[in-house]
N, C-alpha and C. Protein backbone atom coordinates (compact mmCIF):
# COMPACT_ATOMS: atom_id res chain seq x y z
N MET A 1 0.92 -1.16 0.16
CA MET A 1 0.06 0.07 0.13
C MET A 1 0.96 1.19 -0.06
N SER A 2 0.74 2.22 -1.06
CA SER A 2 1.36 3.44 -1.05
C SER A 2 1.18 4.27 0.18
N GLU A 3 1.93 5.30 0.43
CA GLU A 3 2.01 5.92 1.73
C GLU A 3 0.78 7.13 1.45
N PRO A 4 0.08 7.51 2.54
CA PRO A 4 -0.87 8.71 2.19
C PRO A 4 -0.58 9.60 2.12
N PRO A 5 -1.34 10.41 1.08
CA PRO A 5 -0.81 12.16 0.59
C PRO A 5 -0.50 12.84 1.72
N ARG A 6 0.32 13.96 1.64
CA ARG A 6 0.59 14.89 2.64
C ARG A 6 -0.30 16.12 2.08
N ILE A 7 -0.83 16.79 3.22
CA ILE A 7 -1.43 18.05 2.77
C ILE A 7 -0.48 19.13 3.69
N TYR A 8 -0.27 20.12 3.04
CA TYR A 8 0.33 21.32 3.70
C TYR A 8 -0.97 22.38 3.81
N HIS A 9 -1.38 22.57 5.29
CA HIS A 9 -2.73 22.91 5.67
C HIS A 9 -2.52 23.86 6.54
N ASN A 10 -3.34 25.13 6.13
CA ASN A 10 -3.61 25.97 7.28
C ASN A 10 -5.28 25.82 7.46
N PRO A 11 -5.32 25.44 8.97
CA PRO A 11 -6.83 25.39 9.56
C PRO A 11 -7.71 26.71 9.49
N ARG A 12 -7.16 27.79 9.20
CA ARG A 12 -8.11 29.05 9.35
C ARG A 12 -8.41 29.15 7.72
N CYS A 13 -7.76 28.23 6.65
CA CYS A 13 -8.35 28.86 5.32
C CYS A 13 -9.62 27.88 4.90
N SER A 14 -10.25 28.61 4.62
CA SER A 14 -11.39 27.78 3.70
C SER A 14 -11.18 26.76 3.12
N LYS A 15 -10.24 27.13 1.99
CA LYS A 15 -9.93 26.22 0.81
C LYS A 15 -8.82 25.10 1.30
N SER A 16 -8.31 25.67 2.27
CA SER A 16 -7.38 24.42 3.21
C SER A 16 -8.44 23.36 3.73
N ARG A 17 -9.68 23.96 4.47
CA ARG A 17 -10.28 23.10 5.38
C ARG A 17 -11.15 22.29 4.24
N ALA A 18 -11.63 22.91 2.95
CA ALA A 18 -12.34 21.98 2.21
C ALA A 18 -11.61 20.97 1.69
N ALA A 19 -10.55 21.34 1.33
CA ALA A 19 -9.47 19.98 0.89
C ALA A 19 -9.22 18.97 1.60
N LEU A 20 -8.97 19.23 2.82
CA LEU A 20 -9.06 18.28 3.86
C LEU A 20 -10.09 17.48 4.02
N ALA A 21 -11.28 18.02 4.05
CA ALA A 21 -12.81 17.51 4.20
C ALA A 21 -12.77 16.27 3.23
N LEU A 22 -12.39 16.82 1.70
CA LEU A 22 -12.70 16.17 0.40
C LEU A 22 -11.81 15.04 0.31
N LEU A 23 -10.67 15.00 0.99
CA LEU A 23 -9.81 13.90 0.94
C LEU A 23 -10.32 12.89 1.92
N ARG A 24 -10.89 13.20 3.20
CA ARG A 24 -11.44 12.40 4.35
C ARG A 24 -12.83 11.86 3.59
N GLU A 25 -13.40 12.79 2.97
CA GLU A 25 -14.90 12.14 1.75
C GLU A 25 -14.61 11.11 1.22
N GLN A 26 -13.36 11.11 0.49
CA GLN A 26 -12.44 10.05 -0.36
C GLN A 26 -12.08 8.73 0.34
N GLY A 27 -12.02 8.75 1.86
CA GLY A 27 -11.66 7.74 2.84
C GLY A 27 -10.03 7.81 2.81
N ILE A 28 -9.76 8.81 2.58
CA ILE A 28 -8.13 9.10 2.83
C ILE A 28 -7.93 10.12 3.98
N ALA A 29 -7.04 9.36 4.75
CA ALA A 29 -6.30 10.00 6.00
C ALA A 29 -5.09 10.68 5.59
N PRO A 30 -4.99 11.86 5.19
CA PRO A 30 -3.73 12.36 4.71
C PRO A 30 -2.65 12.51 5.94
N GLU A 31 -1.37 12.49 5.65
CA GLU A 31 -0.63 13.45 6.69
C GLU A 31 -0.85 14.55 6.90
N ILE A 32 -1.07 15.41 7.70
CA ILE A 32 -1.36 16.85 7.78
C ILE A 32 0.02 17.52 8.13
N VAL A 33 0.23 18.47 7.64
CA VAL A 33 1.62 19.49 7.98
C VAL A 33 0.77 21.17 8.17
N GLU A 34 0.63 21.42 9.51
CA GLU A 34 0.35 22.68 9.44
C GLU A 34 1.41 23.99 9.11
N TYR A 35 1.71 24.03 7.95
CA TYR A 35 2.92 24.69 7.70
C TYR A 35 3.35 25.90 8.36
N LEU A 36 2.36 26.60 8.91
CA LEU A 36 2.58 28.12 9.58
C LEU A 36 3.36 27.67 11.15
N LYS A 37 2.89 26.37 11.67
CA LYS A 37 3.55 26.13 12.79
C LYS A 37 4.92 25.04 12.57
N THR A 38 5.07 24.42 11.46
CA THR A 38 6.14 24.00 10.90
C THR A 38 6.45 24.06 9.66
N PRO A 39 7.03 25.44 9.51
CA PRO A 39 7.34 25.79 7.79
C PRO A 39 8.53 24.72 7.43
N PRO A 40 8.01 24.61 5.89
CA PRO A 40 9.07 24.05 5.10
C PRO A 40 10.27 24.57 4.93
N ASP A 41 11.13 23.76 4.91
CA ASP A 41 12.73 24.56 4.78
C ASP A 41 12.98 24.68 3.15
N ARG A 42 13.85 25.25 2.91
CA ARG A 42 14.18 25.70 1.44
C ARG A 42 14.11 24.63 0.70
N ALA A 43 15.01 23.33 0.97
CA ALA A 43 14.98 22.37 0.35
C ALA A 43 13.54 21.37 -0.24
N THR A 44 12.59 21.61 1.12
CA THR A 44 11.21 21.11 0.90
C THR A 44 10.24 22.15 0.07
N LEU A 45 10.86 23.36 0.18
CA LEU A 45 10.12 24.01 -0.96
C LEU A 45 10.40 23.84 -2.23
N GLU A 46 11.76 23.67 -2.63
CA GLU A 46 12.34 23.51 -4.08
C GLU A 46 11.62 22.38 -4.29
N ASP A 47 11.51 21.23 -3.39
CA ASP A 47 10.76 19.80 -4.25
C ASP A 47 9.20 20.16 -4.23
N LEU A 48 8.83 21.02 -3.45
CA LEU A 48 7.23 21.32 -3.86
C LEU A 48 6.92 21.80 -4.87
N ILE A 49 7.73 22.90 -5.34
CA ILE A 49 7.73 23.69 -6.67
C ILE A 49 7.93 23.03 -7.73
N ALA A 50 9.04 22.02 -7.71
CA ALA A 50 9.53 20.85 -8.83
C ALA A 50 8.25 20.03 -8.94
N LYS A 51 7.62 19.34 -7.71
CA LYS A 51 6.48 18.42 -7.98
C LYS A 51 5.30 19.05 -8.57
N LEU A 52 5.05 20.42 -8.17
CA LEU A 52 4.16 21.23 -8.54
C LEU A 52 4.24 21.50 -10.14
N GLY A 53 5.81 21.33 -10.68
CA GLY A 53 5.57 22.21 -12.15
C GLY A 53 5.44 23.32 -12.33
N ILE A 54 5.86 24.26 -11.15
CA ILE A 54 5.53 25.98 -11.41
C ILE A 54 6.81 26.55 -10.97
N SER A 55 6.69 27.94 -11.40
CA SER A 55 7.92 28.69 -10.69
C SER A 55 7.68 28.91 -9.32
N PRO A 56 8.47 29.42 -8.78
CA PRO A 56 8.81 29.80 -7.24
C PRO A 56 7.44 31.07 -7.22
N ARG A 57 7.46 31.74 -8.05
CA ARG A 57 6.65 33.00 -8.28
C ARG A 57 4.79 32.49 -8.05
N GLN A 58 4.90 31.58 -8.82
CA GLN A 58 3.37 31.07 -8.76
C GLN A 58 3.08 30.33 -7.51
N LEU A 59 3.81 29.99 -6.65
CA LEU A 59 3.43 29.58 -5.43
C LEU A 59 3.15 30.87 -4.38
N LEU A 60 3.56 32.13 -4.45
CA LEU A 60 3.18 33.12 -3.86
C LEU A 60 1.80 33.71 -3.81
N ARG A 61 1.56 33.85 -2.48
CA ARG A 61 0.15 34.40 -2.04
C ARG A 61 0.54 35.97 -2.34
N THR A 62 -0.23 36.60 -3.08
CA THR A 62 0.18 38.11 -3.53
C THR A 62 -0.40 39.24 -2.76
N GLY A 63 -1.71 38.35 -2.00
CA GLY A 63 -2.64 39.46 -1.24
C GLY A 63 -1.95 39.53 0.32
N GLU A 64 -0.87 38.94 0.41
CA GLU A 64 -0.39 39.00 1.96
C GLU A 64 0.46 40.25 2.01
N ALA A 65 0.45 41.11 3.27
CA ALA A 65 1.13 41.93 3.56
C ALA A 65 2.34 42.14 3.13
N ALA A 66 3.13 41.08 3.64
CA ALA A 66 4.42 40.78 3.35
C ALA A 66 4.85 40.71 2.02
N TYR A 67 4.11 40.22 0.91
CA TYR A 67 4.44 40.27 -0.45
C TYR A 67 4.62 41.88 -0.82
N ARG A 68 3.88 42.67 -0.29
CA ARG A 68 3.94 44.11 -0.79
C ARG A 68 5.27 44.54 0.09
N GLU A 69 5.25 44.46 1.26
CA GLU A 69 6.70 44.86 1.91
C GLU A 69 8.05 44.61 1.62
N LEU A 70 7.93 43.25 1.29
CA LEU A 70 9.14 42.79 0.79
C LEU A 70 9.39 43.24 -0.78
N GLY A 71 8.34 43.82 -1.34
CA GLY A 71 8.67 43.93 -2.91
C GLY A 71 8.69 42.95 -3.72
N LEU A 72 7.98 41.93 -3.52
CA LEU A 72 8.18 40.47 -4.48
C LEU A 72 7.59 40.74 -5.63
N ALA A 73 6.78 41.79 -5.73
CA ALA A 73 6.17 42.23 -7.17
C ALA A 73 7.19 42.35 -8.16
N ASP A 74 8.31 42.61 -7.82
CA ASP A 74 9.50 43.01 -8.84
C ASP A 74 9.47 41.61 -9.66
N PRO A 75 9.37 41.89 -10.99
CA PRO A 75 9.61 40.90 -11.96
C PRO A 75 10.98 40.56 -12.04
N GLU A 76 12.12 41.26 -11.52
CA GLU A 76 13.45 41.08 -11.98
C GLU A 76 13.96 40.07 -10.66
N LEU A 77 13.23 39.81 -9.58
CA LEU A 77 13.74 39.19 -8.46
C LEU A 77 13.86 37.58 -8.92
N ALA A 78 15.16 37.29 -8.43
CA ALA A 78 15.57 35.91 -8.69
C ALA A 78 14.67 35.11 -7.83
N ASP A 79 14.63 33.76 -8.41
CA ASP A 79 13.65 32.68 -7.72
C ASP A 79 14.39 32.38 -6.45
N GLU A 80 15.69 32.64 -6.23
CA GLU A 80 16.17 32.33 -4.96
C GLU A 80 15.58 33.29 -4.05
N ARG A 81 15.26 34.24 -4.30
CA ARG A 81 15.06 35.42 -3.43
C ARG A 81 13.67 35.42 -3.41
N ILE A 82 12.77 34.84 -3.91
CA ILE A 82 11.42 34.44 -3.78
C ILE A 82 11.25 33.13 -2.78
N ILE A 83 12.20 32.29 -3.16
CA ILE A 83 12.12 30.81 -2.05
C ILE A 83 12.62 31.42 -0.79
N GLN A 84 13.28 32.19 -0.70
CA GLN A 84 13.95 32.56 0.64
C GLN A 84 12.97 33.47 1.48
N ALA A 85 12.00 34.23 0.74
CA ALA A 85 11.10 35.15 1.25
C ALA A 85 9.73 34.07 1.95
N MET A 86 9.49 32.97 1.05
CA MET A 86 8.69 31.75 1.79
C MET A 86 9.15 31.07 2.89
N VAL A 87 10.48 30.91 3.06
CA VAL A 87 10.88 30.26 3.93
C VAL A 87 11.16 30.94 5.21
N ASP A 88 11.39 32.44 4.99
CA ASP A 88 11.08 33.41 6.26
C ASP A 88 9.64 33.79 6.47
N HIS A 89 8.79 33.86 5.43
CA HIS A 89 7.59 34.07 5.93
C HIS A 89 6.51 33.39 5.35
N PRO A 90 6.33 31.96 6.14
CA PRO A 90 5.61 30.83 5.48
C PRO A 90 3.99 31.26 4.88
N LYS A 91 3.47 32.36 5.32
CA LYS A 91 2.37 32.86 5.16
C LYS A 91 2.12 33.17 3.63
N LEU A 92 3.27 33.59 2.96
CA LEU A 92 3.31 33.95 1.74
C LEU A 92 3.15 32.68 0.69
N ILE A 93 3.29 31.27 1.38
CA ILE A 93 3.12 29.97 0.48
C ILE A 93 1.49 29.65 0.16
N GLU A 94 1.11 29.70 -1.14
CA GLU A 94 -0.18 29.38 -1.41
C GLU A 94 -0.58 27.88 -0.70
N ARG A 95 -1.97 27.78 -0.48
CA ARG A 95 -2.10 26.83 -0.01
C ARG A 95 -3.88 26.30 -0.67
N PRO A 96 -4.34 25.13 0.01
CA PRO A 96 -3.41 23.85 0.39
C PRO A 96 -2.74 23.29 -0.70
N ILE A 97 -1.51 22.59 -0.37
CA ILE A 97 -0.79 21.73 -1.37
C ILE A 97 -0.97 20.46 -0.64
N VAL A 98 -1.40 19.73 -1.83
CA VAL A 98 -1.38 17.98 -1.63
C VAL A 98 -0.38 17.44 -2.63
N VAL A 99 0.54 16.58 -1.63
CA VAL A 99 1.61 15.69 -2.31
C VAL A 99 1.47 14.10 -2.23
N ARG A 100 1.71 13.50 -3.27
CA ARG A 100 1.42 12.28 -3.29
C ARG A 100 2.50 11.81 -4.37
N GLY A 101 3.45 10.73 -3.88
CA GLY A 101 4.45 10.26 -4.69
C GLY A 101 5.25 11.84 -5.18
N GLY A 102 5.52 11.49 -6.66
CA GLY A 102 6.29 12.64 -7.16
C GLY A 102 5.41 13.71 -7.51
N GLN A 103 4.14 13.43 -7.19
CA GLN A 103 3.19 14.69 -7.88
C GLN A 103 2.73 15.69 -6.69
N ALA A 104 2.14 16.66 -7.15
CA ALA A 104 1.86 17.76 -6.34
C ALA A 104 0.60 18.46 -6.83
N ARG A 105 -0.26 19.13 -5.99
CA ARG A 105 -1.44 20.05 -6.65
C ARG A 105 -1.79 21.15 -5.66
N ILE A 106 -2.04 22.37 -5.69
CA ILE A 106 -2.39 23.28 -5.30
C ILE A 106 -3.97 23.30 -5.21
N GLY A 107 -4.47 22.96 -4.05
CA GLY A 107 -6.14 22.76 -3.98
C GLY A 107 -6.99 24.06 -4.11
N ARG A 108 -6.74 24.80 -5.41
CA ARG A 108 -7.50 26.01 -5.94
C ARG A 108 -8.10 25.65 -7.09
N PRO A 109 -9.28 25.18 -7.29
CA PRO A 109 -10.21 24.71 -6.18
C PRO A 109 -9.78 23.52 -5.94
N PRO A 110 -10.26 23.16 -4.42
CA PRO A 110 -10.15 22.41 -3.87
C PRO A 110 -10.19 20.88 -4.34
N GLU A 111 -11.17 20.57 -5.58
CA GLU A 111 -11.16 19.33 -6.37
C GLU A 111 -9.90 18.99 -7.18
N ARG A 112 -9.04 19.99 -7.34
CA ARG A 112 -7.99 19.59 -8.24
C ARG A 112 -6.97 18.58 -7.53
N ILE A 113 -7.07 18.59 -6.03
CA ILE A 113 -6.27 17.30 -5.33
C ILE A 113 -6.71 16.02 -5.64
N LEU A 114 -7.78 15.98 -6.51
CA LEU A 114 -8.28 14.29 -6.79
C LEU A 114 -7.85 14.17 -7.92
N GLU A 115 -6.80 14.99 -8.58
CA GLU A 115 -5.91 14.60 -9.77
C GLU A 115 -4.84 13.53 -9.64
N ILE A 116 -4.51 13.52 -8.08
CA ILE A 116 -3.30 12.98 -7.78
C ILE A 116 -3.73 11.61 -6.67
N VAL A 117 -4.77 11.93 -6.15
CA VAL A 117 -5.26 11.01 -4.93
C VAL A 117 -6.01 9.75 -5.51
């Protein structure tokens, strides 16, 4: 039997709660990582970005105050700087993220996670 999926979860986020409920409705008991309490390190973030098949910029929550305060809208910023900003300020990481095996999906909308579970 394969390992259960992992969900990078923020219980205060309605999309994150919906994705977790969707997994449970499917009879799946995921590993839950409350990433604001236990933030991913740089290597984990780089791995997530690779599994998502996106650029670091696409994982940023642009509505967060830290996004503006850190000047992350600057299109000239290097990927390394964006990743470091997410390491330093995990609130900037889009959520929820579900990982299973070598694949990951951002649960926006939550039903997207069903593609890999």
